Amino acid sequence: PEELLGFKTYADQVPMRAKIVLEEL
């Protein structure tokens, strides 16, 4: 939850989520 608090909209989360997905792959 604390990772998501700073994002005003869901679209603002895209760079963070994309980075994590690439790292997992």
PDBML (XML) file of the C-alpha atoms, coordinates in Angstrom:
<?xml version="1.0" encoding="UTF-8" ?>
<PDBx:datablock datablockName="MODEL"
   xmlns:PDBx="http://pdbml.pdb.org/schema/pdbx-v50.xsd"
   xmlns:xsi="http://www.w3.org/2001/XMLSchema-instance"
   xsi:schemaLocation="http://pdbml.pdb.org/schema/pdbx-v50.xsd pdbx-v50.xsd">
   <PDBx:atom_siteCategory>
      <PDBx:atom_site id="1">
         <PDBx:B_iso_or_equiv>0.00</PDBx:B_iso_or_equiv>
         <PDBx:Cartn_x>0.000</PDBx:Cartn_x>
         <PDBx:Cartn_y>0.000</PDBx:Cartn_y>
         <PDBx:Cartn_z>0.000</PDBx:Cartn_z>
         <PDBx:auth_asym_id>A</PDBx:auth_asym_id>
         <PDBx:auth_atom_id>CA</PDBx:auth_atom_id>
         <PDBx:auth_comp_id>PRO</PDBx:auth_comp_id>
         <PDBx:auth_seq_id>1</PDBx:auth_seq_id>
         <PDBx:group_PDB>ATOM</PDBx:group_PDB>
         <PDBx:label_alt_id xsi:nil="true" />
         <PDBx:label_asym_id>A</PDBx:label_asym_id>
         <PDBx:label_atom_id>CA</PDBx:label_atom_id>
         <PDBx:label_comp_id>PRO</PDBx:label_comp_id>
         <PDBx:label_entity_id>1</PDBx:label_entity_id>
         <PDBx:label_seq_id>1</PDBx:label_seq_id>
         <PDBx:occupancy>1.00</PDBx:occupancy>
         <PDBx:pdbx_PDB_model_num>1</PDBx:pdbx_PDB_model_num>
         <PDBx:type_symbol>C</PDBx:type_symbol>
      </PDBx:atom_site>
      <PDBx:atom_site id="2">
         <PDBx:B_iso_or_equiv>0.00</PDBx:B_iso_or_equiv>
         <PDBx:Cartn_x>2.785</PDBx:Cartn_x>
         <PDBx:Cartn_y>2.455</PDBx:Cartn_y>
         <PDBx:Cartn_z>0.807</PDBx:Cartn_z>
         <PDBx:auth_asym_id>A</PDBx:auth_asym_id>
         <PDBx:auth_atom_id>CA</PDBx:auth_atom_id>
         <PDBx:auth_comp_id>GLU</PDBx:auth_comp_id>
         <PDBx:auth_seq_id>2</PDBx:auth_seq_id>
         <PDBx:group_PDB>ATOM</PDBx:group_PDB>
         <PDBx:label_alt_id xsi:nil="true" />
         <PDBx:label_asym_id>A</PDBx:label_asym_id>
         <PDBx:label_atom_id>CA</PDBx:label_atom_id>
         <PDBx:label_comp_id>GLU</PDBx:label_comp_id>
         <PDBx:label_entity_id>1</PDBx:label_entity_id>
         <PDBx:label_seq_id>2</PDBx:label_seq_id>
         <PDBx:occupancy>1.00</PDBx:occupancy>
         <PDBx:pdbx_PDB_model_num>1</PDBx:pdbx_PDB_model_num>
         <PDBx:type_symbol>C</PDBx:type_symbol>
      </PDBx:atom_site>
      <PDBx:atom_site id="3">
         <PDBx:B_iso_or_equiv>0.00</PDBx:B_iso_or_equiv>
         <PDBx:Cartn_x>4.210</PDBx:Cartn_x>
         <PDBx:Cartn_y>1.940</PDBx:Cartn_y>
         <PDBx:Cartn_z>-2.707</PDBx:Cartn_z>
         <PDBx:auth_asym_id>A</PDBx:auth_asym_id>
         <PDBx:auth_atom_id>CA</PDBx:auth_atom_id>
         <PDBx:auth_comp_id>GLU</PDBx:auth_comp_id>
         <PDBx:auth_seq_id>3</PDBx:auth_seq_id>
         <PDBx:group_PDB>ATOM</PDBx:group_PDB>
         <PDBx:label_alt_id xsi:nil="true" />
         <PDBx:label_asym_id>A</PDBx:label_asym_id>
         <PDBx:label_atom_id>CA</PDBx:label_atom_id>
         <PDBx:label_comp_id>GLU</PDBx:label_comp_id>
         <PDBx:label_entity_id>1</PDBx:label_entity_id>
         <PDBx:label_seq_id>3</PDBx:label_seq_id>
         <PDBx:occupancy>1.00</PDBx:occupancy>
         <PDBx:pdbx_PDB_model_num>1</PDBx:pdbx_PDB_model_num>
         <PDBx:type_symbol>C</PDBx:type_symbol>
      </PDBx:atom_site>
      <PDBx:atom_site id="4">
         <PDBx:B_iso_or_equiv>0.00</PDBx:B_iso_or_equiv>
         <PDBx:Cartn_x>0.924</PDBx:Cartn_x>
         <PDBx:Cartn_y>3.092</PDBx:Cartn_y>
         <PDBx:Cartn_z>-4.222</PDBx:Cartn_z>
         <PDBx:auth_asym_id>A</PDBx:auth_asym_id>
         <PDBx:auth_atom_id>CA</PDBx:auth_atom_id>
         <PDBx:auth_comp_id>LEU</PDBx:auth_comp_id>
         <PDBx:auth_seq_id>4</PDBx:auth_seq_id>
         <PDBx:group_PDB>ATOM</PDBx:group_PDB>
         <PDBx:label_alt_id xsi:nil="true" />
         <PDBx:label_asym_id>A</PDBx:label_asym_id>
         <PDBx:label_atom_id>CA</PDBx:label_atom_id>
         <PDBx:label_comp_id>LEU</PDBx:label_comp_id>
         <PDBx:label_entity_id>1</PDBx:label_entity_id>
         <PDBx:label_seq_id>4</PDBx:label_seq_id>
         <PDBx:occupancy>1.00</PDBx:occupancy>
         <PDBx:pdbx_PDB_model_num>1</PDBx:pdbx_PDB_model_num>
         <PDBx:type_symbol>C</PDBx:type_symbol>
      </PDBx:atom_site>
      <PDBx:atom_site id="5">
         <PDBx:B_iso_or_equiv>0.00</PDBx:B_iso_or_equiv>
         <PDBx:Cartn_x>0.121</PDBx:Cartn_x>
         <PDBx:Cartn_y>6.034</PDBx:Cartn_y>
         <PDBx:Cartn_z>-1.953</PDBx:Cartn_z>
         <PDBx:auth_asym_id>A</PDBx:auth_asym_id>
         <PDBx:auth_atom_id>CA</PDBx:auth_atom_id>
         <PDBx:auth_comp_id>LEU</PDBx:auth_comp_id>
         <PDBx:auth_seq_id>5</PDBx:auth_seq_id>
         <PDBx:group_PDB>ATOM</PDBx:group_PDB>
         <PDBx:label_alt_id xsi:nil="true" />
         <PDBx:label_asym_id>A</PDBx:label_asym_id>
         <PDBx:label_atom_id>CA</PDBx:label_atom_id>
         <PDBx:label_comp_id>LEU</PDBx:label_comp_id>
         <PDBx:label_entity_id>1</PDBx:label_entity_id>
         <PDBx:label_seq_id>5</PDBx:label_seq_id>
         <PDBx:occupancy>1.00</PDBx:occupancy>
         <PDBx:pdbx_PDB_model_num>1</PDBx:pdbx_PDB_model_num>
         <PDBx:type_symbol>C</PDBx:type_symbol>
      </PDBx:atom_site>
      <PDBx:atom_site id="6">
         <PDBx:B_iso_or_equiv>0.00</PDBx:B_iso_or_equiv>
         <PDBx:Cartn_x>2.064</PDBx:Cartn_x>
         <PDBx:Cartn_y>8.605</PDBx:Cartn_y>
         <PDBx:Cartn_z>-3.953</PDBx:Cartn_z>
         <PDBx:auth_asym_id>A</PDBx:auth_asym_id>
         <PDBx:auth_atom_id>CA</PDBx:auth_atom_id>
         <PDBx:auth_comp_id>GLY</PDBx:auth_comp_id>
         <PDBx:auth_seq_id>6</PDBx:auth_seq_id>
         <PDBx:group_PDB>ATOM</PDBx:group_PDB>
         <PDBx:label_alt_id xsi:nil="true" />
         <PDBx:label_asym_id>A</PDBx:label_asym_id>
         <PDBx:label_atom_id>CA</PDBx:label_atom_id>
         <PDBx:label_comp_id>GLY</PDBx:label_comp_id>
         <PDBx:label_entity_id>1</PDBx:label_entity_id>
         <PDBx:label_seq_id>6</PDBx:label_seq_id>
         <PDBx:occupancy>1.00</PDBx:occupancy>
         <PDBx:pdbx_PDB_model_num>1</PDBx:pdbx_PDB_model_num>
         <PDBx:type_symbol>C</PDBx:type_symbol>
      </PDBx:atom_site>
      <PDBx:atom_site id="7">
         <PDBx:B_iso_or_equiv>0.00</PDBx:B_iso_or_equiv>
         <PDBx:Cartn_x>0.141</PDBx:Cartn_x>
         <PDBx:Cartn_y>8.062</PDBx:Cartn_y>
         <PDBx:Cartn_z>-7.182</PDBx:Cartn_z>
         <PDBx:auth_asym_id>A</PDBx:auth_asym_id>
         <PDBx:auth_atom_id>CA</PDBx:auth_atom_id>
         <PDBx:auth_comp_id>PHE</PDBx:auth_comp_id>
         <PDBx:auth_seq_id>7</PDBx:auth_seq_id>
         <PDBx:group_PDB>ATOM</PDBx:group_PDB>
         <PDBx:label_alt_id xsi:nil="true" />
         <PDBx:label_asym_id>A</PDBx:label_asym_id>
         <PDBx:label_atom_id>CA</PDBx:label_atom_id>
         <PDBx:label_comp_id>PHE</PDBx:label_comp_id>
         <PDBx:label_entity_id>1</PDBx:label_entity_id>
         <PDBx:label_seq_id>7</PDBx:label_seq_id>
         <PDBx:occupancy>1.00</PDBx:occupancy>
         <PDBx:pdbx_PDB_model_num>1</PDBx:pdbx_PDB_model_num>
         <PDBx:type_symbol>C</PDBx:type_symbol>
      </PDBx:atom_site>
      <PDBx:atom_site id="8">
         <PDBx:B_iso_or_equiv>0.00</PDBx:B_iso_or_equiv>
         <PDBx:Cartn_x>-2.814</PDBx:Cartn_x>
         <PDBx:Cartn_y>10.315</PDBx:Cartn_y>
         <PDBx:Cartn_z>-7.892</PDBx:Cartn_z>
         <PDBx:auth_asym_id>A</PDBx:auth_asym_id>
         <PDBx:auth_atom_id>CA</PDBx:auth_atom_id>
         <PDBx:auth_comp_id>LYS</PDBx:auth_comp_id>
         <PDBx:auth_seq_id>8</PDBx:auth_seq_id>
         <PDBx:group_PDB>ATOM</PDBx:group_PDB>
         <PDBx:label_alt_id xsi:nil="true" />
         <PDBx:label_asym_id>A</PDBx:label_asym_id>
         <PDBx:label_atom_id>CA</PDBx:label_atom_id>
         <PDBx:label_comp_id>LYS</PDBx:label_comp_id>
         <PDBx:label_entity_id>1</PDBx:label_entity_id>
         <PDBx:label_seq_id>8</PDBx:label_seq_id>
         <PDBx:occupancy>1.00</PDBx:occupancy>
         <PDBx:pdbx_PDB_model_num>1</PDBx:pdbx_PDB_model_num>
         <PDBx:type_symbol>C</PDBx:type_symbol>
      </PDBx:atom_site>
      <PDBx:atom_site id="9">
         <PDBx:B_iso_or_equiv>0.00</PDBx:B_iso_or_equiv>
         <PDBx:Cartn_x>-4.272</PDBx:Cartn_x>
         <PDBx:Cartn_y>8.158</PDBx:Cartn_y>
         <PDBx:Cartn_z>-10.690</PDBx:Cartn_z>
         <PDBx:auth_asym_id>A</PDBx:auth_asym_id>
         <PDBx:auth_atom_id>CA</PDBx:auth_atom_id>
         <PDBx:auth_comp_id>THR</PDBx:auth_comp_id>
         <PDBx:auth_seq_id>9</PDBx:auth_seq_id>
         <PDBx:group_PDB>ATOM</PDBx:group_PDB>
         <PDBx:label_alt_id xsi:nil="true" />
         <PDBx:label_asym_id>A</PDBx:label_asym_id>
         <PDBx:label_atom_id>CA</PDBx:label_atom_id>
         <PDBx:label_comp_id>THR</PDBx:label_comp_id>
         <PDBx:label_entity_id>1</PDBx:label_entity_id>
         <PDBx:label_seq_id>9</PDBx:label_seq_id>
         <PDBx:occupancy>1.00</PDBx:occupancy>
         <PDBx:pdbx_PDB_model_num>1</PDBx:pdbx_PDB_model_num>
         <PDBx:type_symbol>C</PDBx:type_symbol>
      </PDBx:atom_site>
      <PDBx:atom_site id="10">
         <PDBx:B_iso_or_equiv>0.00</PDBx:B_iso_or_equiv>
         <PDBx:Cartn_x>-3.842</PDBx:Cartn_x>
         <PDBx:Cartn_y>4.564</PDBx:Cartn_y>
         <PDBx:Cartn_z>-11.784</PDBx:Cartn_z>
         <PDBx:auth_asym_id>A</PDBx:auth_asym_id>
         <PDBx:auth_atom_id>CA</PDBx:auth_atom_id>
         <PDBx:auth_comp_id>TYR</PDBx:auth_comp_id>
         <PDBx:auth_seq_id>10</PDBx:auth_seq_id>
         <PDBx:group_PDB>ATOM</PDBx:group_PDB>
         <PDBx:label_alt_id xsi:nil="true" />
         <PDBx:label_asym_id>A</PDBx:label_asym_id>
         <PDBx:label_atom_id>CA</PDBx:label_atom_id>
         <PDBx:label_comp_id>TYR</PDBx:label_comp_id>
         <PDBx:label_entity_id>1</PDBx:label_entity_id>
         <PDBx:label_seq_id>10</PDBx:label_seq_id>
         <PDBx:occupancy>1.00</PDBx:occupancy>
         <PDBx:pdbx_PDB_model_num>1</PDBx:pdbx_PDB_model_num>
         <PDBx:type_symbol>C</PDBx:type_symbol>
      </PDBx:atom_site>
      <PDBx:atom_site id="11">
         <PDBx:B_iso_or_equiv>0.00</PDBx:B_iso_or_equiv>
         <PDBx:Cartn_x>-2.155</PDBx:Cartn_x>
         <PDBx:Cartn_y>5.747</PDBx:Cartn_y>
         <PDBx:Cartn_z>-14.985</PDBx:Cartn_z>
         <PDBx:auth_asym_id>A</PDBx:auth_asym_id>
         <PDBx:auth_atom_id>CA</PDBx:auth_atom_id>
         <PDBx:auth_comp_id>ALA</PDBx:auth_comp_id>
         <PDBx:auth_seq_id>11</PDBx:auth_seq_id>
         <PDBx:group_PDB>ATOM</PDBx:group_PDB>
         <PDBx:label_alt_id xsi:nil="true" />
         <PDBx:label_asym_id>A</PDBx:label_asym_id>
         <PDBx:label_atom_id>CA</PDBx:label_atom_id>
         <PDBx:label_comp_id>ALA</PDBx:label_comp_id>
         <PDBx:label_entity_id>1</PDBx:label_entity_id>
         <PDBx:label_seq_id>11</PDBx:label_seq_id>
         <PDBx:occupancy>1.00</PDBx:occupancy>
         <PDBx:pdbx_PDB_model_num>1</PDBx:pdbx_PDB_model_num>
         <PDBx:type_symbol>C</PDBx:type_symbol>
      </PDBx:atom_site>
      <PDBx:atom_site id="12">
         <PDBx:B_iso_or_equiv>0.00</PDBx:B_iso_or_equiv>
         <PDBx:Cartn_x>0.590</PDBx:Cartn_x>
         <PDBx:Cartn_y>7.314</PDBx:Cartn_y>
         <PDBx:Cartn_z>-12.872</PDBx:Cartn_z>
         <PDBx:auth_asym_id>A</PDBx:auth_asym_id>
         <PDBx:auth_atom_id>CA</PDBx:auth_atom_id>
         <PDBx:auth_comp_id>ASP</PDBx:auth_comp_id>
         <PDBx:auth_seq_id>12</PDBx:auth_seq_id>
         <PDBx:group_PDB>ATOM</PDBx:group_PDB>
         <PDBx:label_alt_id xsi:nil="true" />
         <PDBx:label_asym_id>A</PDBx:label_asym_id>
         <PDBx:label_atom_id>CA</PDBx:label_atom_id>
         <PDBx:label_comp_id>ASP</PDBx:label_comp_id>
         <PDBx:label_entity_id>1</PDBx:label_entity_id>
         <PDBx:label_seq_id>12</PDBx:label_seq_id>
         <PDBx:occupancy>1.00</PDBx:occupancy>
         <PDBx:pdbx_PDB_model_num>1</PDBx:pdbx_PDB_model_num>
         <PDBx:type_symbol>C</PDBx:type_symbol>
      </PDBx:atom_site>
      <PDBx:atom_site id="13">
         <PDBx:B_iso_or_equiv>0.00</PDBx:B_iso_or_equiv>
         <PDBx:Cartn_x>1.515</PDBx:Cartn_x>
         <PDBx:Cartn_y>3.807</PDBx:Cartn_y>
         <PDBx:Cartn_z>-11.663</PDBx:Cartn_z>
         <PDBx:auth_asym_id>A</PDBx:auth_asym_id>
         <PDBx:auth_atom_id>CA</PDBx:auth_atom_id>
         <PDBx:auth_comp_id>GLN</PDBx:auth_comp_id>
         <PDBx:auth_seq_id>13</PDBx:auth_seq_id>
         <PDBx:group_PDB>ATOM</PDBx:group_PDB>
         <PDBx:label_alt_id xsi:nil="true" />
         <PDBx:label_asym_id>A</PDBx:label_asym_id>
         <PDBx:label_atom_id>CA</PDBx:label_atom_id>
         <PDBx:label_comp_id>GLN</PDBx:label_comp_id>
         <PDBx:label_entity_id>1</PDBx:label_entity_id>
         <PDBx:label_seq_id>13</PDBx:label_seq_id>
         <PDBx:occupancy>1.00</PDBx:occupancy>
         <PDBx:pdbx_PDB_model_num>1</PDBx:pdbx_PDB_model_num>
         <PDBx:type_symbol>C</PDBx:type_symbol>
      </PDBx:atom_site>
      <PDBx:atom_site id="14">
         <PDBx:B_iso_or_equiv>0.00</PDBx:B_iso_or_equiv>
         <PDBx:Cartn_x>2.468</PDBx:Cartn_x>
         <PDBx:Cartn_y>2.551</PDBx:Cartn_y>
         <PDBx:Cartn_z>-15.139</PDBx:Cartn_z>
         <PDBx:auth_asym_id>A</PDBx:auth_asym_id>
         <PDBx:auth_atom_id>CA</PDBx:auth_atom_id>
         <PDBx:auth_comp_id>VAL</PDBx:auth_comp_id>
         <PDBx:auth_seq_id>14</PDBx:auth_seq_id>
         <PDBx:group_PDB>ATOM</PDBx:group_PDB>
         <PDBx:label_alt_id xsi:nil="true" />
         <PDBx:label_asym_id>A</PDBx:label_asym_id>
         <PDBx:label_atom_id>CA</PDBx:label_atom_id>
         <PDBx:label_comp_id>VAL</PDBx:label_comp_id>
         <PDBx:label_entity_id>1</PDBx:label_entity_id>
         <PDBx:label_seq_id>14</PDBx:label_seq_id>
         <PDBx:occupancy>1.00</PDBx:occupancy>
         <PDBx:pdbx_PDB_model_num>1</PDBx:pdbx_PDB_model_num>
         <PDBx:type_symbol>C</PDBx:type_symbol>
      </PDBx:atom_site>
      <PDBx:atom_site id="15">
         <PDBx:B_iso_or_equiv>0.00</PDBx:B_iso_or_equiv>
         <PDBx:Cartn_x>6.261</PDBx:Cartn_x>
         <PDBx:Cartn_y>3.252</PDBx:Cartn_y>
         <PDBx:Cartn_z>-15.037</PDBx:Cartn_z>
         <PDBx:auth_asym_id>A</PDBx:auth_asym_id>
         <PDBx:auth_atom_id>CA</PDBx:auth_atom_id>
         <PDBx:auth_comp_id>PRO</PDBx:auth_comp_id>
         <PDBx:auth_seq_id>15</PDBx:auth_seq_id>
         <PDBx:group_PDB>ATOM</PDBx:group_PDB>
         <PDBx:label_alt_id xsi:nil="true" />
         <PDBx:label_asym_id>A</PDBx:label_asym_id>
         <PDBx:label_atom_id>CA</PDBx:label_atom_id>
         <PDBx:label_comp_id>PRO</PDBx:label_comp_id>
         <PDBx:label_entity_id>1</PDBx:label_entity_id>
         <PDBx:label_seq_id>15</PDBx:label_seq_id>
         <PDBx:occupancy>1.00</PDBx:occupancy>
         <PDBx:pdbx_PDB_model_num>1</PDBx:pdbx_PDB_model_num>
         <PDBx:type_symbol>C</PDBx:type_symbol>
      </PDBx:atom_site>
      <PDBx:atom_site id="16">
         <PDBx:B_iso_or_equiv>0.00</PDBx:B_iso_or_equiv>
         <PDBx:Cartn_x>6.583</PDBx:Cartn_x>
         <PDBx:Cartn_y>1.667</PDBx:Cartn_y>
         <PDBx:Cartn_z>-11.594</PDBx:Cartn_z>
         <PDBx:auth_asym_id>A</PDBx:auth_asym_id>
         <PDBx:auth_atom_id>CA</PDBx:auth_atom_id>
         <PDBx:auth_comp_id>MET</PDBx:auth_comp_id>
         <PDBx:auth_seq_id>16</PDBx:auth_seq_id>
         <PDBx:group_PDB>ATOM</PDBx:group_PDB>
         <PDBx:label_alt_id xsi:nil="true" />
         <PDBx:label_asym_id>A</PDBx:label_asym_id>
         <PDBx:label_atom_id>CA</PDBx:label_atom_id>
         <PDBx:label_comp_id>MET</PDBx:label_comp_id>
         <PDBx:label_entity_id>1</PDBx:label_entity_id>
         <PDBx:label_seq_id>16</PDBx:label_seq_id>
         <PDBx:occupancy>1.00</PDBx:occupancy>
         <PDBx:pdbx_PDB_model_num>1</PDBx:pdbx_PDB_model_num>
         <PDBx:type_symbol>C</PDBx:type_symbol>
      </PDBx:atom_site>
      <PDBx:atom_site id="17">
         <PDBx:B_iso_or_equiv>0.00</PDBx:B_iso_or_equiv>
         <PDBx:Cartn_x>4.613</PDBx:Cartn_x>
         <PDBx:Cartn_y>-1.459</PDBx:Cartn_y>
         <PDBx:Cartn_z>-12.495</PDBx:Cartn_z>
         <PDBx:auth_asym_id>A</PDBx:auth_asym_id>
         <PDBx:auth_atom_id>CA</PDBx:auth_atom_id>
         <PDBx:auth_comp_id>ARG</PDBx:auth_comp_id>
         <PDBx:auth_seq_id>17</PDBx:auth_seq_id>
         <PDBx:group_PDB>ATOM</PDBx:group_PDB>
         <PDBx:label_alt_id xsi:nil="true" />
         <PDBx:label_asym_id>A</PDBx:label_asym_id>
         <PDBx:label_atom_id>CA</PDBx:label_atom_id>
         <PDBx:label_comp_id>ARG</PDBx:label_comp_id>
         <PDBx:label_entity_id>1</PDBx:label_entity_id>
         <PDBx:label_seq_id>17</PDBx:label_seq_id>
         <PDBx:occupancy>1.00</PDBx:occupancy>
         <PDBx:pdbx_PDB_model_num>1</PDBx:pdbx_PDB_model_num>
         <PDBx:type_symbol>C</PDBx:type_symbol>
      </PDBx:atom_site>
      <PDBx:atom_site id="18">
         <PDBx:B_iso_or_equiv>0.00</PDBx:B_iso_or_equiv>
         <PDBx:Cartn_x>6.334</PDBx:Cartn_x>
         <PDBx:Cartn_y>-1.820</PDBx:Cartn_y>
         <PDBx:Cartn_z>-15.890</PDBx:Cartn_z>
         <PDBx:auth_asym_id>A</PDBx:auth_asym_id>
         <PDBx:auth_atom_id>CA</PDBx:auth_atom_id>
         <PDBx:auth_comp_id>ALA</PDBx:auth_comp_id>
         <PDBx:auth_seq_id>18</PDBx:auth_seq_id>
         <PDBx:group_PDB>ATOM</PDBx:group_PDB>
         <PDBx:label_alt_id xsi:nil="true" />
         <PDBx:label_asym_id>A</PDBx:label_asym_id>
         <PDBx:label_atom_id>CA</PDBx:label_atom_id>
         <PDBx:label_comp_id>ALA</PDBx:label_comp_id>
         <PDBx:label_entity_id>1</PDBx:label_entity_id>
         <PDBx:label_seq_id>18</PDBx:label_seq_id>
         <PDBx:occupancy>1.00</PDBx:occupancy>
         <PDBx:pdbx_PDB_model_num>1</PDBx:pdbx_PDB_model_num>
         <PDBx:type_symbol>C</PDBx:type_symbol>
      </PDBx:atom_site>
      <PDBx:atom_site id="19">
         <PDBx:B_iso_or_equiv>0.00</PDBx:B_iso_or_equiv>
         <PDBx:Cartn_x>9.764</PDBx:Cartn_x>
         <PDBx:Cartn_y>-1.665</PDBx:Cartn_y>
         <PDBx:Cartn_z>-14.275</PDBx:Cartn_z>
         <PDBx:auth_asym_id>A</PDBx:auth_asym_id>
         <PDBx:auth_atom_id>CA</PDBx:auth_atom_id>
         <PDBx:auth_comp_id>LYS</PDBx:auth_comp_id>
         <PDBx:auth_seq_id>19</PDBx:auth_seq_id>
         <PDBx:group_PDB>ATOM</PDBx:group_PDB>
         <PDBx:label_alt_id xsi:nil="true" />
         <PDBx:label_asym_id>A</PDBx:label_asym_id>
         <PDBx:label_atom_id>CA</PDBx:label_atom_id>
         <PDBx:label_comp_id>LYS</PDBx:label_comp_id>
         <PDBx:label_entity_id>1</PDBx:label_entity_id>
         <PDBx:label_seq_id>19</PDBx:label_seq_id>
         <PDBx:occupancy>1.00</PDBx:occupancy>
         <PDBx:pdbx_PDB_model_num>1</PDBx:pdbx_PDB_model_num>
         <PDBx:type_symbol>C</PDBx:type_symbol>
      </PDBx:atom_site>
      <PDBx:atom_site id="20">
         <PDBx:B_iso_or_equiv>0.00</PDBx:B_iso_or_equiv>
         <PDBx:Cartn_x>8.868</PDBx:Cartn_x>
         <PDBx:Cartn_y>-4.362</PDBx:Cartn_y>
         <PDBx:Cartn_z>-11.748</PDBx:Cartn_z>
         <PDBx:auth_asym_id>A</PDBx:auth_asym_id>
         <PDBx:auth_atom_id>CA</PDBx:auth_atom_id>
         <PDBx:auth_comp_id>ILE</PDBx:auth_comp_id>
         <PDBx:auth_seq_id>20</PDBx:auth_seq_id>
         <PDBx:group_PDB>ATOM</PDBx:group_PDB>
         <PDBx:label_alt_id xsi:nil="true" />
         <PDBx:label_asym_id>A</PDBx:label_asym_id>
         <PDBx:label_atom_id>CA</PDBx:label_atom_id>
         <PDBx:label_comp_id>ILE</PDBx:label_comp_id>
         <PDBx:label_entity_id>1</PDBx:label_entity_id>
         <PDBx:label_seq_id>20</PDBx:label_seq_id>
         <PDBx:occupancy>1.00</PDBx:occupancy>
         <PDBx:pdbx_PDB_model_num>1</PDBx:pdbx_PDB_model_num>
         <PDBx:type_symbol>C</PDBx:type_symbol>
      </PDBx:atom_site>
      <PDBx:atom_site id="21">
         <PDBx:B_iso_or_equiv>0.00</PDBx:B_iso_or_equiv>
         <PDBx:Cartn_x>7.404</PDBx:Cartn_x>
         <PDBx:Cartn_y>-6.640</PDBx:Cartn_y>
         <PDBx:Cartn_z>-14.446</PDBx:Cartn_z>
         <PDBx:auth_asym_id>A</PDBx:auth_asym_id>
         <PDBx:auth_atom_id>CA</PDBx:auth_atom_id>
         <PDBx:auth_comp_id>VAL</PDBx:auth_comp_id>
         <PDBx:auth_seq_id>21</PDBx:auth_seq_id>
         <PDBx:group_PDB>ATOM</PDBx:group_PDB>
         <PDBx:label_alt_id xsi:nil="true" />
         <PDBx:label_asym_id>A</PDBx:label_asym_id>
         <PDBx:label_atom_id>CA</PDBx:label_atom_id>
         <PDBx:label_comp_id>VAL</PDBx:label_comp_id>
         <PDBx:label_entity_id>1</PDBx:label_entity_id>
         <PDBx:label_seq_id>21</PDBx:label_seq_id>
         <PDBx:occupancy>1.00</PDBx:occupancy>
         <PDBx:pdbx_PDB_model_num>1</PDBx:pdbx_PDB_model_num>
         <PDBx:type_symbol>C</PDBx:type_symbol>
      </PDBx:atom_site>
      <PDBx:atom_site id="22">
         <PDBx:B_iso_or_equiv>0.00</PDBx:B_iso_or_equiv>
         <PDBx:Cartn_x>10.538</PDBx:Cartn_x>
         <PDBx:Cartn_y>-6.318</PDBx:Cartn_y>
         <PDBx:Cartn_z>-16.589</PDBx:Cartn_z>
         <PDBx:auth_asym_id>A</PDBx:auth_asym_id>
         <PDBx:auth_atom_id>CA</PDBx:auth_atom_id>
         <PDBx:auth_comp_id>LEU</PDBx:auth_comp_id>
         <PDBx:auth_seq_id>22</PDBx:auth_seq_id>
         <PDBx:group_PDB>ATOM</PDBx:group_PDB>
         <PDBx:label_alt_id xsi:nil="true" />
         <PDBx:label_asym_id>A</PDBx:label_asym_id>
         <PDBx:label_atom_id>CA</PDBx:label_atom_id>
         <PDBx:label_comp_id>LEU</PDBx:label_comp_id>
         <PDBx:label_entity_id>1</PDBx:label_entity_id>
         <PDBx:label_seq_id>22</PDBx:label_seq_id>
         <PDBx:occupancy>1.00</PDBx:occupancy>
         <PDBx:pdbx_PDB_model_num>1</PDBx:pdbx_PDB_model_num>
         <PDBx:type_symbol>C</PDBx:type_symbol>
      </PDBx:atom_site>
      <PDBx:atom_site id="23">
         <PDBx:B_iso_or_equiv>0.00</PDBx:B_iso_or_equiv>
         <PDBx:Cartn_x>12.732</PDBx:Cartn_x>
         <PDBx:Cartn_y>-7.108</PDBx:Cartn_y>
         <PDBx:Cartn_z>-13.588</PDBx:Cartn_z>
         <PDBx:auth_asym_id>A</PDBx:auth_asym_id>
         <PDBx:auth_atom_id>CA</PDBx:auth_atom_id>
         <PDBx:auth_comp_id>GLU</PDBx:auth_comp_id>
         <PDBx:auth_seq_id>23</PDBx:auth_seq_id>
         <PDBx:group_PDB>ATOM</PDBx:group_PDB>
         <PDBx:label_alt_id xsi:nil="true" />
         <PDBx:label_asym_id>A</PDBx:label_asym_id>
         <PDBx:label_atom_id>CA</PDBx:label_atom_id>
         <PDBx:label_comp_id>GLU</PDBx:label_comp_id>
         <PDBx:label_entity_id>1</PDBx:label_entity_id>
         <PDBx:label_seq_id>23</PDBx:label_seq_id>
         <PDBx:occupancy>1.00</PDBx:occupancy>
         <PDBx:pdbx_PDB_model_num>1</PDBx:pdbx_PDB_model_num>
         <PDBx:type_symbol>C</PDBx:type_symbol>
      </PDBx:atom_site>
      <PDBx:atom_site id="24">
         <PDBx:B_iso_or_equiv>0.00</PDBx:B_iso_or_equiv>
         <PDBx:Cartn_x>10.676</PDBx:Cartn_x>
         <PDBx:Cartn_y>-10.236</PDBx:Cartn_y>
         <PDBx:Cartn_z>-12.849</PDBx:Cartn_z>
         <PDBx:auth_asym_id>A</PDBx:auth_asym_id>
         <PDBx:auth_atom_id>CA</PDBx:auth_atom_id>
         <PDBx:auth_comp_id>GLU</PDBx:auth_comp_id>
         <PDBx:auth_seq_id>24</PDBx:auth_seq_id>
         <PDBx:group_PDB>ATOM</PDBx:group_PDB>
         <PDBx:label_alt_id xsi:nil="true" />
         <PDBx:label_asym_id>A</PDBx:label_asym_id>
         <PDBx:label_atom_id>CA</PDBx:label_atom_id>
         <PDBx:label_comp_id>GLU</PDBx:label_comp_id>
         <PDBx:label_entity_id>1</PDBx:label_entity_id>
         <PDBx:label_seq_id>24</PDBx:label_seq_id>
         <PDBx:occupancy>1.00</PDBx:occupancy>
         <PDBx:pdbx_PDB_model_num>1</PDBx:pdbx_PDB_model_num>
         <PDBx:type_symbol>C</PDBx:type_symbol>
      </PDBx:atom_site>
      <PDBx:atom_site id="25">
         <PDBx:B_iso_or_equiv>0.00</PDBx:B_iso_or_equiv>
         <PDBx:Cartn_x>10.999</PDBx:Cartn_x>
         <PDBx:Cartn_y>-11.423</PDBx:Cartn_y>
         <PDBx:Cartn_z>-16.437</PDBx:Cartn_z>
         <PDBx:auth_asym_id>A</PDBx:auth_asym_id>
         <PDBx:auth_atom_id>CA</PDBx:auth_atom_id>
         <PDBx:auth_comp_id>LEU</PDBx:auth_comp_id>
         <PDBx:auth_seq_id>25</PDBx:auth_seq_id>
         <PDBx:group_PDB>ATOM</PDBx:group_PDB>
         <PDBx:label_alt_id xsi:nil="true" />
         <PDBx:label_asym_id>A</PDBx:label_asym_id>
         <PDBx:label_atom_id>CA</PDBx:label_atom_id>
         <PDBx:label_comp_id>LEU</PDBx:label_comp_id>
         <PDBx:label_entity_id>1</PDBx:label_entity_id>
         <PDBx:label_seq_id>25</PDBx:label_seq_id>
         <PDBx:occupancy>1.00</PDBx:occupancy>
         <PDBx:pdbx_PDB_model_num>1</PDBx:pdbx_PDB_model_num>
         <PDBx:type_symbol>C</PDBx:type_symbol>
      </PDBx:atom_site>
   </PDBx:atom_siteCategory>
</PDBx:datablock>
